[in-house]
C-alpha cells in the first residue's frame, strides 16, 4: 500500500533529496577523485628521481655491528 504525497505525514518531506548543492557524500567523492588525480600527476616525476644501484652496491655488506647495535642487544638480552 503506497501513500500519496497528500496522505504522508509532515515529517516525510525531510527525507526528500535536496534540489541542488553538494551533500556530504558528494563532497567526499569529489575530494577523493581530486586526490587520485593529484597522485597520478606526481608519480611520473618521482620515477625519474630514483637512483639505480650498481652491481657492487647491491653485493656489499650492509649490516654493521656498531656500539648502538651492541647496546640494543645487551639491553634486550639477545
PDB file of N, CA and C in Angstrom:
ATOM      1  N   UNK A   1       0.843  -1.165   0.000  1.00  0.00           N
ATOM      2  CA  UNK A   1       0.000   0.000   0.000  1.00  0.00           C
ATOM      3  C   UNK A   1       0.895   1.236   0.000  1.00  0.00           C
ATOM      4  N   UNK A   2       0.899   1.964  -1.080  1.00  0.00           N
ATOM      5  CA  UNK A   2       1.699   3.177  -1.169  1.00  0.00           C
ATOM      6  C   UNK A   2       0.859   4.376  -0.811  1.00  0.00           C
ATOM      7  N   UNK A   3       1.519   5.328  -0.226  1.00  0.00           N
ATOM      8  CA  UNK A   3       0.814   6.537   0.180  1.00  0.00           C
ATOM      9  C   UNK A   3       1.052   7.630  -0.839  1.00  0.00           C
ATOM     10  N   UNK A   4       0.072   8.386  -1.101  1.00  0.00           N
ATOM     11  CA  UNK A   4       0.231   9.530  -1.980  1.00  0.00           C
ATOM     12  C   UNK A   4       0.847  10.671  -1.171  1.00  0.00           C
ATOM     13  N   UNK A   5       1.458  11.647  -1.816  1.00  0.00           N
ATOM     14  CA  UNK A   5       2.076  12.751  -1.085  1.00  0.00           C
ATOM     15  C   UNK A   5       1.103  13.502  -0.188  1.00  0.00           C
ATOM     16  N   UNK A   6      -0.168  13.493  -0.517  1.00  0.00           N
ATOM     17  CA  UNK A   6      -1.134  14.215   0.300  1.00  0.00           C
ATOM     18  C   UNK A   6      -1.372  13.503   1.632  1.00  0.00           C
ATOM     19  N   UNK A   7      -1.245  12.160   1.656  1.00  0.00           N
ATOM     20  CA  UNK A   7      -1.533  11.414   2.882  1.00  0.00           C
ATOM     21  C   UNK A   7      -0.297  11.154   3.730  1.00  0.00           C
ATOM     22  N   UNK A   8       0.895  11.596   3.268  1.00  0.00           N
ATOM     23  CA  UNK A   8       2.129  11.376   4.030  1.00  0.00           C
ATOM     24  C   UNK A   8       2.166  12.310   5.223  1.00  0.00           C
ATOM     25  N   UNK A   9       2.816  11.865   6.306  1.00  0.00           N
ATOM     26  CA  UNK A   9       2.977  12.756   7.461  1.00  0.00           C
ATOM     27  C   UNK A   9       3.851  13.952   7.099  1.00  0.00           C
ATOM     28  N   UNK A  10       3.777  14.990   7.887  1.00  0.00           N
ATOM     29  CA  UNK A  10       4.508  16.213   7.579  1.00  0.00           C
ATOM     30  C   UNK A  10       6.022  16.012   7.659  1.00  0.00           C
ATOM     31  N   UNK A  11       6.536  15.058   8.438  1.00  0.00           N
ATOM     32  CA  UNK A  11       7.974  14.814   8.558  1.00  0.00           C
ATOM     33  C   UNK A  11       8.551  14.097   7.355  1.00  0.00           C
ATOM     34  N   UNK A  12       7.732  13.553   6.483  1.00  0.00           N
ATOM     35  CA  UNK A  12       8.216  12.819   5.320  1.00  0.00           C
ATOM     36  C   UNK A  12       8.880  13.736   4.309  1.00  0.00           C
ATOM     37  N   UNK A  13       8.562  14.993   4.334  1.00  0.00           N
ATOM     38  CA  UNK A  13       9.167  15.930   3.393  1.00  0.00           C
ATOM     39  C   UNK A  13      10.659  16.083   3.662  1.00  0.00           C
ATOM     40  N   UNK A  14      11.110  15.810   4.873  1.00  0.00           N
ATOM     41  CA  UNK A  14      12.520  15.947   5.223  1.00  0.00           C
ATOM     42  C   UNK A  14      13.364  14.859   4.578  1.00  0.00           C
ATOM     43  N   UNK A  15      12.774  13.734   4.156  1.00  0.00           N
ATOM     44  CA  UNK A  15      13.538  12.654   3.550  1.00  0.00           C
ATOM     45  C   UNK A  15      13.743  12.841   2.063  1.00  0.00           C
ATOM     46  N   UNK A  16      13.159  13.864   1.465  1.00  0.00           N
ATOM     47  CA  UNK A  16      13.341  14.119   0.044  1.00  0.00           C
ATOM     48  C   UNK A  16      14.745  14.646  -0.207  1.00  0.00           C
ATOM     49  N   UNK A  17      15.272  14.372  -1.396  1.00  0.00           N
ATOM     50  CA  UNK A  17      16.604  14.852  -1.763  1.00  0.00           C
ATOM     51  C   UNK A  17      16.574  16.357  -1.973  1.00  0.00           C
ATOM     52  N   UNK A  18      17.652  17.032  -1.633  1.00  0.00           N
ATOM     53  CA  UNK A  18      17.700  18.470  -1.906  1.00  0.00           C
ATOM     54  C   UNK A  18      17.783  18.709  -3.411  1.00  0.00           C
ATOM     55  N   UNK A  19      17.250  19.809  -3.848  1.00  0.00           N
ATOM     56  CA  UNK A  19      17.177  20.102  -5.276  1.00  0.00           C
ATOM     57  C   UNK A  19      18.564  20.368  -5.861  1.00  0.00           C
ATOM     58  N   UNK A  20      19.429  21.088  -5.174  1.00  0.00           N
ATOM     59  CA  UNK A  20      20.746  21.431  -5.702  1.00  0.00           C
ATOM     60  C   UNK A  20      21.732  21.520  -4.546  1.00  0.00           C
ATOM     61  N   UNK A  21      23.012  21.533  -4.871  1.00  0.00           N
ATOM     62  CA  UNK A  21      24.033  21.663  -3.845  1.00  0.00           C
ATOM     63  C   UNK A  21      24.867  20.396  -3.742  1.00  0.00           C
ATOM     64  N   UNK A  22      25.833  20.440  -2.899  1.00  0.00           N
ATOM     65  CA  UNK A  22      26.757  19.326  -2.728  1.00  0.00           C
ATOM     66  C   UNK A  22      26.557  18.748  -1.335  1.00  0.00           C
ATOM     67  N   UNK A  23      26.067  17.516  -1.260  1.00  0.00           N
ATOM     68  CA  UNK A  23      25.860  16.897   0.037  1.00  0.00           C
ATOM     69  C   UNK A  23      27.184  16.320   0.543  1.00  0.00           C
ATOM     70  N   UNK A  24      27.164  15.741   1.711  1.00  0.00           N
ATOM     71  CA  UNK A  24      28.379  15.247   2.350  1.00  0.00           C
ATOM     72  C   UNK A  24      29.037  14.146   1.528  1.00  0.00           C
ATOM     73  N   UNK A  25      28.274  13.191   1.041  1.00  0.00           N
ATOM     74  CA  UNK A  25      28.844  12.099   0.248  1.00  0.00           C
ATOM     75  C   UNK A  25      29.435  12.612  -1.058  1.00  0.00           C
ATOM     76  N   UNK A  26      28.761  13.529  -1.669  1.00  0.00           N
ATOM     77  CA  UNK A  26      29.267  14.118  -2.904  1.00  0.00           C
ATOM     78  C   UNK A  26      30.553  14.884  -2.674  1.00  0.00           C
ATOM     79  N   UNK A  27      30.633  15.570  -1.554  1.00  0.00           N
ATOM     80  CA  UNK A  27      31.835  16.317  -1.210  1.00  0.00           C
ATOM     81  C   UNK A  27      33.030  15.386  -1.084  1.00  0.00           C
ATOM     82  N   UNK A  28      32.865  14.264  -0.363  1.00  0.00           N
ATOM     83  CA  UNK A  28      33.967  13.323  -0.186  1.00  0.00           C
ATOM     84  C   UNK A  28      34.288  12.587  -1.491  1.00  0.00           C
ATOM     85  N   UNK A  29      33.294  12.353  -2.321  1.00  0.00           N
ATOM     86  CA  UNK A  29      33.537  11.709  -3.610  1.00  0.00           C
ATOM     87  C   UNK A  29      34.401  12.620  -4.486  1.00  0.00           C
ATOM     88  N   UNK A  30      34.083  13.905  -4.522  1.00  0.00           N
ATOM     89  CA  UNK A  30      34.858  14.858  -5.314  1.00  0.00           C
ATOM     90  C   UNK A  30      36.266  15.000  -4.733  1.00  0.00           C
ATOM     91  N   UNK A  31      36.379  15.035  -3.405  1.00  0.00           N
ATOM     92  CA  UNK A  31      37.697  15.140  -2.770  1.00  0.00           C
ATOM     93  C   UNK A  31      38.556  13.919  -3.040  1.00  0.00           C
ATOM     94  N   UNK A  32      37.954  12.741  -3.021  1.00  0.00           N
ATOM     95  CA  UNK A  32      38.696  11.516  -3.310  1.00  0.00           C
ATOM     96  C   UNK A  32      39.172  11.474  -4.747  1.00  0.00           C
ATOM     97  N   UNK A  33      38.340  11.903  -5.647  1.00  0.00           N
ATOM     98  CA  UNK A  33      38.733  11.935  -7.061  1.00  0.00           C
ATOM     99  C   UNK A  33      39.864  12.930  -7.279  1.00  0.00           C
ATOM    100  N   UNK A  34      39.824  14.047  -6.600  1.00  0.00           N
ATOM    101  CA  UNK A  34      40.889  15.040  -6.727  1.00  0.00           C
ATOM    102  C   UNK A  34      42.207  14.497  -6.182  1.00  0.00           C
ATOM    103  N   UNK A  35      42.155  13.727  -5.104  1.00  0.00           N
ATOM    104  CA  UNK A  35      43.373  13.142  -4.541  1.00  0.00           C
ATOM    105  C   UNK A  35      43.990  12.125  -5.498  1.00  0.00           C
ATOM    106  N   UNK A  36      43.156  11.346  -6.157  1.00  0.00           N
ATOM    107  CA  UNK A  36      43.656  10.361  -7.122  1.00  0.00           C
ATOM    108  C   UNK A  36      44.318  11.063  -8.299  1.00  0.00           C
ATOM    109  N   UNK A  37      43.698  12.113  -8.785  1.00  0.00           N
ATOM    110  CA  UNK A  37      44.262  12.851  -9.915  1.00  0.00           C
ATOM    111  C   UNK A  37      45.586  13.494  -9.511  1.00  0.00           C
ATOM    112  N   UNK A  38      45.664  14.044  -8.305  1.00  0.00           N
ATOM    113  CA  UNK A  38      46.899  14.679  -7.848  1.00  0.00           C
ATOM    114  C   UNK A  38      48.010  13.642  -7.687  1.00  0.00           C
ATOM    115  N   UNK A  39      47.683  12.463  -7.177  1.00  0.00           N
ATOM    116  CA  UNK A  39      48.684  11.413  -7.014  1.00  0.00           C
ATOM    117  C   UNK A  39      49.165  10.913  -8.369  1.00  0.00           C
ATOM    118  N   UNK A  40      48.282  10.822  -9.325  1.00  0.00           N
ATOM    119  CA  UNK A  40      48.669  10.367 -10.657  1.00  0.00           C
ATOM    120  C   UNK A  40      49.590  11.373 -11.335  1.00  0.00           C
ATOM    121  N   UNK A  41      49.428  12.635 -11.023  1.00  0.00           N
ATOM    122  CA  UNK A  41      50.281  13.664 -11.616  1.00  0.00           C
ATOM    123  C   UNK A  41      51.682  13.643 -11.010  1.00  0.00           C
ATOM    124  N   UNK A  42      51.832  13.160  -9.782  1.00  0.00           N
ATOM    125  CA  UNK A  42      53.119  13.159  -9.097  1.00  0.00           C
ATOM    126  C   UNK A  42      53.948  11.930  -9.458  1.00  0.00           C
ATOM    127  N   UNK A  43      53.326  10.813  -9.767  1.00  0.00           N
ATOM    128  CA  UNK A  43      54.034   9.551  -9.983  1.00  0.00           C
ATOM    129  C   UNK A  43      55.091   9.645 -11.082  1.00  0.00           C
ATOM    130  N   UNK A  44      54.840  10.189 -12.258  1.00  0.00           N
ATOM    131  CA  UNK A  44      55.897  10.246 -13.273  1.00  0.00           C
ATOM    132  C   UNK A  44      57.105  11.069 -12.837  1.00  0.00           C
ATOM    133  N   UNK A  45      56.899  12.085 -12.026  1.00  0.00           N
ATOM    134  CA  UNK A  45      58.013  12.917 -11.578  1.00  0.00           C
ATOM    135  C   UNK A  45      58.900  12.173 -10.597  1.00  0.00           C
ATOM    136  N   UNK A  46      58.358  11.291  -9.787  1.00  0.00           N
ATOM    137  CA  UNK A  46      59.167  10.582  -8.796  1.00  0.00           C
ATOM    138  C   UNK A  46      59.925   9.414  -9.402  1.00  0.00           C
ATOM    139  N   UNK A  47      59.456   8.841 -10.510  1.00  0.00           N
ATOM    140  CA  UNK A  47      60.164   7.723 -11.119  1.00  0.00           C
ATOM    141  C   UNK A  47      61.509   8.156 -11.680  1.00  0.00           C
ATOM    142  N   UNK A  48      61.610   9.356 -12.182  1.00  0.00           N
ATOM    143  CA  UNK A  48      62.863   9.832 -12.734  1.00  0.00           C
ATOM    144  C   UNK A  48      63.894  10.131 -11.651  1.00  0.00           C
ATOM    145  N   UNK A  49      63.455  10.412 -10.454  1.00  0.00           N
ATOM    146  CA  UNK A  49      64.361  10.821  -9.388  1.00  0.00           C
ATOM    147  C   UNK A  49      65.035   9.643  -8.686  1.00  0.00           C
ATOM    148  N   UNK A  50      64.613   8.416  -8.937  1.00  0.00           N
ATOM    149  CA  UNK A  50      65.196   7.272  -8.265  1.00  0.00           C
ATOM    150  C   UNK A  50      66.566   6.955  -8.849  1.00  0.00           C
ATOM    151  N   UNK A  51      67.516   6.736  -7.942  1.00  0.00           N
ATOM    152  CA  UNK A  51      68.858   6.378  -8.367  1.00  0.00           C
ATOM    153  C   UNK A  51      68.947   4.869  -8.530  1.00  0.00           C
ATOM    154  N   UNK A  52      69.728   4.429  -9.479  1.00  0.00           N
ATOM    155  CA  UNK A  52      69.889   2.989  -9.673  1.00  0.00           C
ATOM    156  C   UNK A  52      71.152   2.519  -8.959  1.00  0.00           C
ATOM    157  N   UNK A  53      71.083   1.316  -8.407  1.00  0.00           N
ATOM    158  CA  UNK A  53      72.230   0.738  -7.718  1.00  0.00           C
ATOM    159  C   UNK A  53      73.146   0.047  -8.719  1.00  0.00           C
ATOM    160  N   UNK A  54      74.421   0.158  -8.469  1.00  0.00           N
ATOM    161  CA  UNK A  54      75.367  -0.584  -9.294  1.00  0.00           C
ATOM    162  C   UNK A  54      75.495  -1.990  -8.737  1.00  0.00           C
ATOM    163  N   UNK A  55      76.159  -2.851  -9.465  1.00  0.00           N
ATOM    164  CA  UNK A  55      76.318  -4.244  -9.037  1.00  0.00           C
ATOM    165  C   UNK A  55      77.126  -4.327  -7.744  1.00  0.00           C
ATOM    166  N   UNK A  56      78.123  -3.484  -7.591  1.00  0.00           N
ATOM    167  CA  UNK A  56      78.942  -3.528  -6.368  1.00  0.00           C
ATOM    168  C   UNK A  56      78.153  -3.037  -5.153  1.00  0.00           C
ATOM    169  N   UNK A  57      77.252  -2.069  -5.356  1.00  0.00           N
ATOM    170  CA  UNK A  57      76.435  -1.586  -4.237  1.00  0.00           C
ATOM    171  C   UNK A  57      75.421  -2.632  -3.805  1.00  0.00           C
ATOM    172  N   UNK A  58      74.918  -3.455  -4.727  1.00  0.00           N
ATOM    173  CA  UNK A  58      73.951  -4.497  -4.369  1.00  0.00           C
ATOM    174  C   UNK A  58      74.581  -5.627  -3.582  1.00  0.00           C
ATOM    175  N   UNK A  59      75.851  -5.900  -3.801  1.00  0.00           N
ATOM    176  CA  UNK A  59      76.502  -7.047  -3.155  1.00  0.00           C
ATOM    177  C   UNK A  59      77.289  -6.670  -1.909  1.00  0.00           C
ATOM    178  N   UNK A  60      77.432  -5.395  -1.591  1.00  0.00           N
ATOM    179  CA  UNK A  60      78.228  -5.006  -0.429  1.00  0.00           C
ATOM    180  C   UNK A  60      77.491  -5.349   0.868  1.00  0.00           C
ATOM    181  N   UNK A  61      78.269  -5.526   1.913  1.00  0.00           N
ATOM    182  CA  UNK A  61      77.686  -5.841   3.222  1.00  0.00           C
ATOM    183  C   UNK A  61      77.079  -4.584   3.809  1.00  0.00           C
ATOM    184  N   UNK A  62      75.853  -4.695   4.275  1.00  0.00           N
ATOM    185  CA  UNK A  62      75.168  -3.520   4.825  1.00  0.00           C
ATOM    186  C   UNK A  62      75.048  -3.574   6.339  1.00  0.00           C
ATOM    187  N   UNK A  63      75.145  -4.736   6.917  1.00  0.00           N
ATOM    188  CA  UNK A  63      74.980  -4.863   8.366  1.00  0.00           C
ATOM    189  C   UNK A  63      76.302  -4.549   9.045  1.00  0.00           C
ATOM    190  N   UNK A  64      76.226  -3.683  10.031  1.00  0.00           N
ATOM    191  CA  UNK A  64      77.415  -3.354  10.820  1.00  0.00           C
ATOM    192  C   UNK A  64      77.032  -3.434  12.288  1.00  0.00           C
ATOM    193  N   UNK A  65      77.800  -4.153  13.038  1.00  0.00           N
ATOM    194  CA  UNK A  65      77.527  -4.277  14.469  1.00  0.00           C
ATOM    195  C   UNK A  65      78.251  -3.142  15.193  1.00  0.00           C
ATOM    196  N   UNK A  66      77.575  -1.999  15.242  1.00  0.00           N
ATOM    197  CA  UNK A  66      78.134  -0.815  15.874  1.00  0.00           C
ATOM    198  C   UNK A  66      77.849  -0.854  17.375  1.00  0.00           C
ATOM    199  N   UNK A  67      78.352   0.154  18.077  1.00  0.00           N
ATOM    200  CA  UNK A  67      78.106   0.234  19.523  1.00  0.00           C
ATOM    201  C   UNK A  67      76.615   0.370  19.810  1.00  0.00           C
ATOM    202  N   UNK A  68      75.918   1.064  18.968  1.00  0.00           N
ATOM    203  CA  UNK A  68      74.478   1.224  19.144  1.00  0.00           C
ATOM    204  C   UNK A  68      73.775  -0.133  19.070  1.00  0.00           C
ATOM    205  N   UNK A  69      74.153  -0.944  18.094  1.00  0.00           N
ATOM    206  CA  UNK A  69      73.550  -2.264  17.927  1.00  0.00           C
ATOM    207  C   UNK A  69      73.930  -3.167  19.102  1.00  0.00           C
ATOM    208  N   UNK A  70      75.173  -3.115  19.508  1.00  0.00           N
ATOM    209  CA  UNK A  70      75.620  -3.926  20.658  1.00  0.00           C
ATOM    210  C   UNK A  70      74.855  -3.538  21.918  1.00  0.00           C
ATOM    211  N   UNK A  71      74.620  -2.249  22.110  1.00  0.00           N
ATOM    212  CA  UNK A  71      73.870  -1.780  23.266  1.00  0.00           C
ATOM    213  C   UNK A  71      72.426  -2.281  23.210  1.00  0.00           C
ATOM    214  N   UNK A  72      71.817  -2.278  22.031  1.00  0.00           N
ATOM    215  CA  UNK A  72      70.466  -2.799  21.863  1.00  0.00           C
ATOM    216  C   UNK A  72      70.412  -4.269  22.224  1.00  0.00           C
ATOM    217  N   UNK A  73      71.373  -5.046  21.746  1.00  0.00           N
ATOM    218  CA  UNK A  73      71.405  -6.475  22.052  1.00  0.00           C
ATOM    219  C   UNK A  73      71.589  -6.698  23.563  1.00  0.00           C
ATOM    220  N   UNK A  74      72.453  -5.900  24.182  1.00  0.00           N
ATOM    221  CA  UNK A  74      72.705  -6.062  25.619  1.00  0.00           C
ATOM    222  C   UNK A  74      71.456  -5.730  26.428  1.00  0.00           C
ATOM    223  N   UNK A  75      70.785  -4.639  26.107  1.00  0.00           N
ATOM    224  CA  UNK A  75      69.620  -4.210  26.856  1.00  0.00           C
ATOM    225  C   UNK A  75      68.462  -5.197  26.694  1.00  0.00           C
ATOM    226  N   UNK A  76      68.270  -5.718  25.487  1.00  0.00           N
ATOM    227  CA  UNK A  76      67.157  -6.620  25.223  1.00  0.00           C
ATOM    228  C   UNK A  76      67.526  -8.091  25.384  1.00  0.00           C
ATOM    229  N   UNK A  77      68.763  -8.360  25.801  1.00  0.00           N
ATOM    230  CA  UNK A  77      69.287  -9.701  26.101  1.00  0.00           C
ATOM    231  C   UNK A  77      69.129 -10.658  24.934  1.00  0.00           C
ATOM    232  N   UNK A  78      69.631 -10.249  23.796  1.00  0.00           N
ATOM    233  CA  UNK A  78      69.645 -11.129  22.626  1.00  0.00           C
ATOM    234  C   UNK A  78      70.931 -11.900  22.599  1.00  0.00           C
TER     235      UNK A  78
END
